[in-house]
Amino acid sequence: MLRKKILILTILFSCISIQFSVVAQRSTAKATVQPYEIAIGQQATISLEVIAPKGRQVVMPVFADTLVSGVEVLAMPKADTIYAHEVMTITQRYIVTSFDSALYHIPYIPVIDGKDTIESNGFGLKVVSPNLSEATLSYLEQLKTQQTDSVEFDKLGVYDIKAIQKPPFVWQDYIIYIVITLLVLLLLAAIGIGIYMYIQKKKKGYYFKPVVVEPPHVIALHALDHVKVEKLWQQGKEKEYFTEVTDILRKYIEDRFGVSAFEMTSDEILHIVNNFVTAESSSDSLKQILKLADLVKFAKYKPFPDENDLSLVNAYLFVNQTKKEEVAPPADPNEPNQGSSTSQGEEPINWRITGDKGGSENKSTNANS
């Protein structure tokens, strides 16, 4: 008997669970309107909320222009979906308006739920006319009875429900004007730069100030001046002193004669330099510096103070004797001032190279020849 009762209760609970499971899988739709009452031309928002199992295919209705006769649909924003556990809540909004005063009843809004169609609850929307003054009502009566042929809006006394509003600023609407403005500004800037460069070229002879490249002997002499100020050998740094002096001379020889002096030994440098210079004093000066520098750097020789000073003096002497001097640019015979000065017996402008091989020969070139 007890087993029979337990079996009956089990069957009963199973039926109830199945029923609740079926009910839980059904979708529901609820519609609300806010505000409930609007004036003619105002807008209201209808919210359609659908609660369905997660993953269920739910399709919201799309209205072409009217919801029901007299109620127009202005917009349908994108639906919002919220998931909670195994349930999803979809909210679809419709922006509506009406231009006829009446109490509109919307019986339901259909929603496609999978293969079925569910219906929302019904609701109403009240559209009221604006309150008219007695003068306006009297004038409307005159128009109705055709007591006047024309409509005078001042006497009618009907005005807009809302004041005229300016549309919000959206920069995308003006993108074409922004692009055109930027292009015009860039064009004006380019024209301005072109005019400035033309004036610079006409006034100074160049668009941009040329970079002044100092000749090799000027660079070498400035570097030797720096070594002189440092006074390295006076501080017991003879090796650093001779390293700087020889590096300056190697760099000068590379730039002056176009040879890779840094990759040569002292003897190779002396042999190459002898091919370019004829003055024995220049070769002797360079030889004294390089030979003494090798002894200091590689044989740990301790030079006397006079030898240190002599090395720096010989470096100055070598650079000054072998430098390439440009006394002055050649005269331009087309310029009247220079042509007249030459004709008056002034000396012609010469180019001179000091210390080169064959320096004993006359290598001066007359600019007027």
Protein backbone atom coordinates (compact mmCIF):
# COMPACT_ATOMS: atom_id res chain seq x y z
CA MET A 1 0.00 0.00 0.00
CA LEU A 2 2.83 2.36 0.89
CA ARG A 3 4.62 1.56 -2.33
CA LYS A 4 1.47 2.36 -4.28
CA LYS A 5 1.19 5.79 -2.64
CA ILE A 6 4.86 6.53 -3.34
CA LEU A 7 4.40 5.58 -6.99
CA ILE A 8 1.36 7.84 -7.33
CA LEU A 9 3.21 10.79 -5.75
CA THR A 10 6.21 10.23 -8.02
CA ILE A 11 4.01 10.25 -11.12
CA LEU A 12 2.22 13.40 -9.86
CA PHE A 13 5.48 15.27 -9.21
CA SER A 14 6.81 14.23 -12.62
CA CYS A 15 3.73 15.64 -14.36
CA ILE A 16 4.04 18.91 -12.44
CA SER A 17 7.77 19.20 -13.30
CA ILE A 18 7.08 18.58 -16.98
CA GLN A 19 4.34 21.21 -16.94
CA PHE A 20 6.62 23.78 -15.27
CA SER A 21 9.39 22.94 -17.75
CA VAL A 22 7.08 23.54 -20.70
CA VAL A 23 5.88 26.81 -19.19
CA ALA A 24 9.43 27.93 -18.49
CA GLN A 25 10.43 27.41 -22.14
CA ARG A 26 7.66 29.68 -23.45
CA SER A 27 8.49 33.28 -24.35
CA THR A 28 6.55 36.28 -23.09
CA ALA A 29 6.05 39.74 -24.60
CA LYS A 30 5.12 42.92 -22.76
CA ALA A 31 4.40 46.36 -24.28
CA THR A 32 4.36 49.74 -22.52
CA VAL A 33 4.03 53.33 -23.77
CA GLN A 34 5.64 56.43 -22.29
CA PRO A 35 4.10 58.93 -21.99
CA TYR A 36 0.56 57.69 -22.09
CA GLU A 37 -0.86 61.06 -23.18
CA ILE A 38 0.67 63.39 -25.79
CA ALA A 39 -0.39 66.49 -27.67
CA ILE A 40 -0.76 66.52 -31.44
CA GLY A 41 2.69 66.26 -33.04
CA GLN A 42 4.49 65.19 -29.90
CA GLN A 43 6.32 61.89 -29.64
CA ALA A 44 5.92 58.83 -27.44
CA THR A 45 8.07 55.74 -26.96
CA ILE A 46 6.60 52.24 -27.11
CA SER A 47 8.81 49.63 -25.42
CA LEU A 48 8.31 45.99 -26.41
CA GLU A 49 10.05 43.62 -23.96
CA VAL A 50 10.41 39.94 -24.83
CA ILE A 51 11.71 37.35 -22.33
CA ALA A 52 12.79 34.09 -23.99
CA PRO A 53 15.18 31.17 -23.38
CA LYS A 54 18.78 31.87 -24.32
CA GLY A 55 19.50 31.02 -27.95
CA ARG A 56 15.84 31.26 -29.04
CA GLN A 57 15.36 32.97 -32.43
CA VAL A 58 13.14 35.97 -31.76
CA VAL A 59 12.10 38.36 -34.54
CA MET A 60 10.67 41.77 -33.66
CA PRO A 61 8.06 43.33 -35.97
CA VAL A 62 9.13 46.12 -38.31
CA PHE A 63 6.45 48.70 -39.16
CA ALA A 64 6.67 50.54 -42.46
CA ASP A 65 5.04 53.80 -41.40
CA THR A 66 2.05 53.26 -39.11
CA LEU A 67 1.46 51.15 -36.03
CA VAL A 68 -2.31 51.47 -36.29
CA SER A 69 -4.39 53.95 -38.24
CA GLY A 70 -3.54 57.43 -36.95
CA VAL A 71 -0.32 56.45 -35.12
CA GLU A 72 2.84 56.94 -37.18
CA VAL A 73 6.15 55.17 -36.49
CA LEU A 74 9.06 57.63 -36.78
CA ALA A 75 12.02 55.47 -35.77
CA MET A 76 12.98 52.00 -34.60
CA PRO A 77 16.31 52.08 -32.69
CA LYS A 78 18.49 49.00 -32.36
CA ALA A 79 17.18 46.46 -29.86
CA ASP A 80 18.90 45.92 -26.50
CA THR A 81 19.58 42.35 -25.31
CA ILE A 82 20.44 41.33 -21.75
CA TYR A 83 21.46 37.78 -20.77
CA ALA A 84 20.94 36.36 -17.29
CA HIS A 85 21.62 32.66 -16.68
CA GLU A 86 19.73 30.83 -19.41
CA VAL A 87 17.25 33.63 -20.12
CA MET A 88 17.55 36.62 -22.46
CA THR A 89 15.57 39.85 -22.32
CA ILE A 90 15.14 41.73 -25.61
CA THR A 91 13.84 45.31 -25.52
CA GLN A 92 12.74 46.95 -28.78
CA ARG A 93 11.62 50.60 -28.82
CA TYR A 94 9.40 52.41 -31.33
CA ILE A 95 9.21 56.21 -31.57
CA VAL A 96 5.64 57.16 -32.58
CA THR A 97 3.55 60.29 -33.04
CA SER A 98 0.05 61.31 -34.14
CA PHE A 99 -1.56 64.34 -35.73
CA ASP A 100 -5.18 63.47 -34.95
CA SER A 101 -6.61 63.85 -31.48
CA ALA A 102 -8.15 60.56 -30.32
CA LEU A 103 -7.71 57.66 -27.91
CA TYR A 104 -5.90 54.99 -29.89
CA HIS A 105 -6.03 51.36 -28.79
CA ILE A 106 -3.30 48.97 -29.84
CA PRO A 107 -4.63 45.46 -29.13
CA TYR A 108 -1.23 43.73 -29.29
CA ILE A 109 2.14 43.64 -31.04
CA PRO A 110 3.06 40.30 -32.63
CA VAL A 111 6.47 38.74 -32.08
CA ILE A 112 7.86 35.69 -33.91
CA ASP A 113 9.21 33.20 -31.36
CA GLY A 114 10.95 30.43 -33.26
CA LYS A 115 8.17 28.75 -35.22
CA ASP A 116 5.40 30.31 -33.15
CA THR A 117 3.99 33.82 -32.92
CA ILE A 118 3.30 35.36 -29.54
CA GLU A 119 1.31 38.51 -28.81
CA SER A 120 1.97 41.26 -26.33
CA ASN A 121 -0.59 42.88 -24.09
CA GLY A 122 -2.78 45.68 -25.40
CA PHE A 123 -2.34 49.36 -24.48
CA GLY A 124 -3.67 52.77 -25.38
CA LEU A 125 -2.26 56.11 -26.53
CA LYS A 126 -4.17 59.32 -25.93
CA VAL A 127 -3.58 62.22 -28.32
CA VAL A 128 -5.14 65.53 -27.28
CA SER A 129 -5.59 68.81 -29.13
CA PRO A 130 -4.00 71.98 -27.77
CA ASN A 131 -6.18 74.20 -25.64
CA LEU A 132 -7.67 76.94 -27.83
CA SER A 133 -8.79 80.33 -26.65
CA GLU A 134 -12.34 81.59 -27.08
CA ALA A 135 -11.15 84.01 -29.77
CA THR A 136 -9.58 81.14 -31.72
CA LEU A 137 -12.70 78.99 -31.36
CA SER A 138 -14.85 81.94 -32.54
CA TYR A 139 -12.60 82.51 -35.54
CA LEU A 140 -12.67 78.80 -36.40
CA GLU A 141 -16.45 78.96 -36.31
CA GLN A 142 -16.35 81.86 -38.76
CA LEU A 143 -14.14 79.83 -41.09
CA LYS A 144 -16.46 76.87 -40.76
CA THR A 145 -19.53 78.93 -41.66
CA GLN A 146 -17.58 80.65 -44.46
CA GLN A 147 -18.04 84.12 -42.94
CA THR A 148 -14.50 84.96 -44.10
CA ASP A 149 -12.66 83.94 -47.25
CA SER A 150 -9.01 84.21 -46.12
CA VAL A 151 -7.18 82.79 -43.13
CA GLU A 152 -5.53 85.34 -40.86
CA PHE A 153 -3.12 83.47 -38.58
CA ASP A 154 -2.91 86.33 -36.09
CA LYS A 155 -6.62 86.02 -35.45
CA LEU A 156 -6.42 82.24 -35.52
CA GLY A 157 -3.97 82.37 -32.61
CA VAL A 158 -2.55 78.88 -33.21
CA TYR A 159 1.18 78.58 -32.70
CA ASP A 160 3.73 75.79 -32.76
CA ILE A 161 3.70 73.38 -29.85
CA LYS A 162 7.47 73.76 -29.52
CA ALA A 163 9.80 76.53 -30.54
CA ILE A 164 11.87 76.06 -33.67
CA GLN A 165 15.12 74.35 -32.71
CA LYS A 166 18.43 74.42 -34.51
CA PRO A 167 19.75 71.03 -35.61
CA PRO A 168 22.70 69.71 -33.55
CA PHE A 169 26.18 70.21 -34.93
CA VAL A 170 27.52 67.06 -36.58
CA TRP A 171 31.07 67.51 -37.85
CA GLN A 172 30.66 64.73 -40.43
CA ASP A 173 28.22 67.02 -42.26
CA TYR A 174 31.02 69.54 -42.75
CA ILE A 175 33.86 67.15 -43.62
CA ILE A 176 33.95 68.31 -47.24
CA TYR A 177 34.27 71.95 -46.16
CA ILE A 178 37.02 71.03 -43.68
CA VAL A 179 38.98 69.19 -46.37
CA ILE A 180 38.61 72.06 -48.83
CA THR A 181 39.76 74.57 -46.18
CA LEU A 182 42.84 72.49 -45.36
CA LEU A 183 43.72 72.14 -49.04
CA VAL A 184 43.38 75.89 -49.56
CA LEU A 185 45.58 76.57 -46.52
CA LEU A 186 48.21 74.12 -47.77
CA LEU A 187 48.12 75.72 -51.22
CA LEU A 188 48.54 79.21 -49.73
CA ALA A 189 51.41 77.95 -47.56
CA ALA A 190 53.11 76.40 -50.59
CA ILE A 191 52.71 79.64 -52.55
CA GLY A 192 54.11 81.63 -49.62
CA ILE A 193 57.12 79.32 -49.31
CA GLY A 194 57.71 79.51 -53.05
CA ILE A 195 57.64 83.32 -53.02
CA TYR A 196 60.00 83.42 -50.01
CA MET A 197 62.46 81.03 -51.68
CA TYR A 198 62.34 83.05 -54.90
CA ILE A 199 63.13 86.25 -52.99
CA GLN A 200 65.93 84.50 -51.10
CA LYS A 201 67.39 83.19 -54.35
CA LYS A 202 67.22 86.59 -56.02
CA LYS A 203 68.65 88.49 -53.04
CA LYS A 204 71.33 86.11 -51.73
CA GLY A 205 71.90 83.75 -54.63
CA TYR A 206 70.71 80.61 -52.83
CA TYR A 207 67.49 79.18 -51.43
CA PHE A 208 68.94 77.99 -48.15
CA LYS A 209 72.14 79.08 -46.44
CA PRO A 210 74.87 76.75 -47.67
CA VAL A 211 76.85 74.76 -45.15
CA VAL A 212 80.31 76.24 -44.72
CA VAL A 213 82.88 73.47 -45.12
CA GLU A 214 86.22 74.49 -43.65
CA PRO A 215 89.35 73.44 -45.55
CA PRO A 216 91.47 70.65 -44.04
CA HIS A 217 94.25 72.93 -42.82
CA VAL A 218 91.81 75.12 -40.85
CA ILE A 219 90.33 72.06 -39.15
CA ALA A 220 93.81 70.75 -38.34
CA LEU A 221 95.04 74.07 -36.94
CA HIS A 222 91.96 74.39 -34.70
CA ALA A 223 92.53 70.85 -33.42
CA LEU A 224 96.19 71.60 -32.70
CA ASP A 225 95.15 74.71 -30.79
CA HIS A 226 92.93 72.51 -28.66
CA VAL A 227 95.83 70.12 -27.95
CA LYS A 228 97.97 73.08 -27.00
CA VAL A 229 95.37 74.27 -24.49
CA GLU A 230 94.92 70.79 -22.99
CA LYS A 231 98.60 70.55 -21.92
CA LEU A 232 98.52 66.78 -21.76
CA TRP A 233 102.27 66.12 -21.67
CA GLN A 234 102.63 68.62 -18.82
CA GLN A 235 100.31 66.31 -16.86
CA GLY A 236 102.43 63.25 -17.61
CA LYS A 237 100.13 62.02 -20.40
CA GLU A 238 102.71 61.89 -23.19
CA LYS A 239 101.08 58.89 -24.89
CA GLU A 240 97.67 60.63 -25.09
CA TYR A 241 99.41 63.79 -26.24
CA PHE A 242 101.19 62.15 -29.19
CA THR A 243 98.12 60.08 -30.06
CA GLU A 244 96.04 63.24 -30.50
CA VAL A 245 98.74 65.03 -32.49
CA THR A 246 99.30 62.12 -34.89
CA ASP A 247 95.55 61.54 -35.32
CA ILE A 248 95.13 65.20 -36.27
CA LEU A 249 97.95 64.94 -38.83
CA ARG A 250 96.62 61.66 -40.26
CA LYS A 251 93.18 63.21 -40.70
CA TYR A 252 94.72 66.28 -42.34
CA ILE A 253 96.77 64.12 -44.74
CA GLU A 254 93.70 62.09 -45.69
CA ASP A 255 91.64 65.20 -46.48
CA ARG A 256 94.51 67.14 -48.07
CA PHE A 257 96.08 64.47 -50.27
CA GLY A 258 93.25 61.92 -50.53
CA VAL A 259 95.05 58.94 -49.01
CA SER A 260 94.00 56.51 -46.25
CA ALA A 261 96.50 57.68 -43.68
CA PHE A 262 94.82 55.94 -40.74
CA GLU A 263 95.47 52.56 -42.37
CA MET A 264 99.17 53.22 -42.99
CA THR A 265 102.28 52.93 -40.90
CA SER A 266 104.49 55.91 -40.22
CA ASP A 267 106.96 54.91 -42.96
CA GLU A 268 104.18 54.49 -45.50
CA ILE A 269 102.80 57.92 -44.65
CA LEU A 270 106.25 59.52 -45.05
CA HIS A 271 106.73 57.79 -48.39
CA ILE A 272 103.32 58.97 -49.68
CA VAL A 273 103.78 62.53 -48.45
CA ASN A 274 107.18 62.78 -50.14
CA ASN A 275 105.39 62.30 -53.46
CA PHE A 276 103.33 65.44 -52.86
CA VAL A 277 105.73 67.87 -51.20
CA THR A 278 109.22 68.99 -52.11
CA ALA A 279 110.20 71.13 -49.16
CA GLU A 280 112.58 69.11 -46.99
CA SER A 281 111.48 71.03 -43.91
CA SER A 282 107.94 69.69 -44.32
CA SER A 283 109.11 66.07 -44.60
CA ASP A 284 111.55 66.48 -41.72
CA SER A 285 108.85 67.99 -39.49
CA LEU A 286 106.44 65.13 -40.16
CA LYS A 287 109.21 62.53 -39.74
CA GLN A 288 110.22 63.92 -36.35
CA ILE A 289 106.63 63.77 -35.09
CA LEU A 290 105.80 60.27 -36.36
CA LYS A 291 109.06 58.62 -35.27
CA LEU A 292 108.93 60.15 -31.79
CA ALA A 293 105.24 59.23 -31.46
CA ASP A 294 106.02 55.59 -32.31
CA LEU A 295 108.70 55.50 -29.61
CA VAL A 296 106.34 56.96 -27.03
CA LYS A 297 103.34 54.77 -27.89
CA PHE A 298 105.08 51.46 -28.54
CA ALA A 299 108.48 51.62 -26.80
CA LYS A 300 107.34 53.54 -23.71
CA TYR A 301 109.92 56.24 -24.44
CA LYS A 302 109.85 59.24 -22.08
CA PRO A 303 110.49 62.34 -24.25
CA PHE A 304 112.11 65.50 -22.98
CA PRO A 305 109.99 68.66 -22.63
CA ASP A 306 111.79 70.24 -25.57
CA GLU A 307 110.90 67.24 -27.75
CA ASN A 308 107.21 67.59 -26.82
CA ASP A 309 107.17 71.29 -27.67
CA LEU A 310 109.12 70.66 -30.89
CA SER A 311 106.57 68.05 -32.01
CA LEU A 312 103.69 70.51 -31.67
CA VAL A 313 105.67 73.26 -33.43
CA ASN A 314 106.53 70.87 -36.28
CA ALA A 315 102.85 69.89 -36.58
CA TYR A 316 101.92 73.55 -37.06
CA LEU A 317 104.80 73.94 -39.52
CA PHE A 318 103.82 70.88 -41.59
CA VAL A 319 100.19 71.97 -41.89
CA ASN A 320 101.05 75.55 -42.82
CA GLN A 321 103.66 74.50 -45.40
CA THR A 322 101.44 71.95 -47.13
CA LYS A 323 98.07 73.67 -46.97
CA LYS A 324 96.19 74.55 -50.12
CA GLU A 325 95.54 78.26 -50.11
CA GLU A 326 92.85 80.01 -52.08
CA VAL A 327 93.94 83.61 -52.20
CA ALA A 328 90.81 84.90 -53.92
CA PRO A 329 88.24 83.72 -56.46
CA PRO A 330 89.07 84.42 -60.13
CA ALA A 331 87.85 87.69 -61.52
CA ASP A 332 84.74 87.72 -63.64
CA PRO A 333 85.47 89.68 -66.82
CA ASN A 334 81.75 90.31 -67.32
CA GLU A 335 81.55 92.47 -64.21
CA PRO A 336 82.40 96.10 -65.00
CA ASN A 337 84.05 96.92 -61.65
CA GLN A 338 86.53 94.04 -61.79
CA GLY A 339 87.26 94.60 -65.46
CA SER A 340 88.01 98.27 -64.88
CA SER A 341 90.33 97.55 -61.95
CA THR A 342 92.37 95.14 -64.06
CA SER A 343 92.64 97.57 -66.90
CA GLN A 344 94.05 100.18 -64.53
CA GLY A 345 97.17 98.10 -63.95
CA GLU A 346 96.21 96.18 -60.78
CA GLU A 347 97.74 92.76 -60.23
CA PRO A 348 95.65 89.84 -61.57
CA ILE A 349 94.21 87.38 -59.04
CA ASN A 350 96.19 84.15 -58.76
CA TRP A 351 95.59 80.71 -57.28
CA ARG A 352 98.51 79.36 -55.29
CA ILE A 353 99.22 75.86 -53.84
CA THR A 354 101.94 75.89 -51.21
CA GLY A 355 104.31 72.98 -50.61
CA ASP A 356 103.16 70.74 -53.51
CA LYS A 357 105.63 68.87 -55.62
CA GLY A 358 106.92 71.10 -58.33
CA GLY A 359 106.32 74.10 -56.14
CA SER A 360 109.52 75.65 -57.45
CA GLU A 361 107.87 75.94 -60.81
CA ASN A 362 105.52 78.78 -61.50
CA LYS A 363 102.03 77.27 -61.07
CA SER A 364 100.22 80.56 -60.74
CA THR A 365 97.46 80.97 -63.22
CA ASN A 366 96.41 84.33 -64.46
CA ALA A 367 92.67 84.71 -64.13
CA ASN A 368 92.57 86.91 -67.22
CA SER A 369 94.51 84.52 -69.46
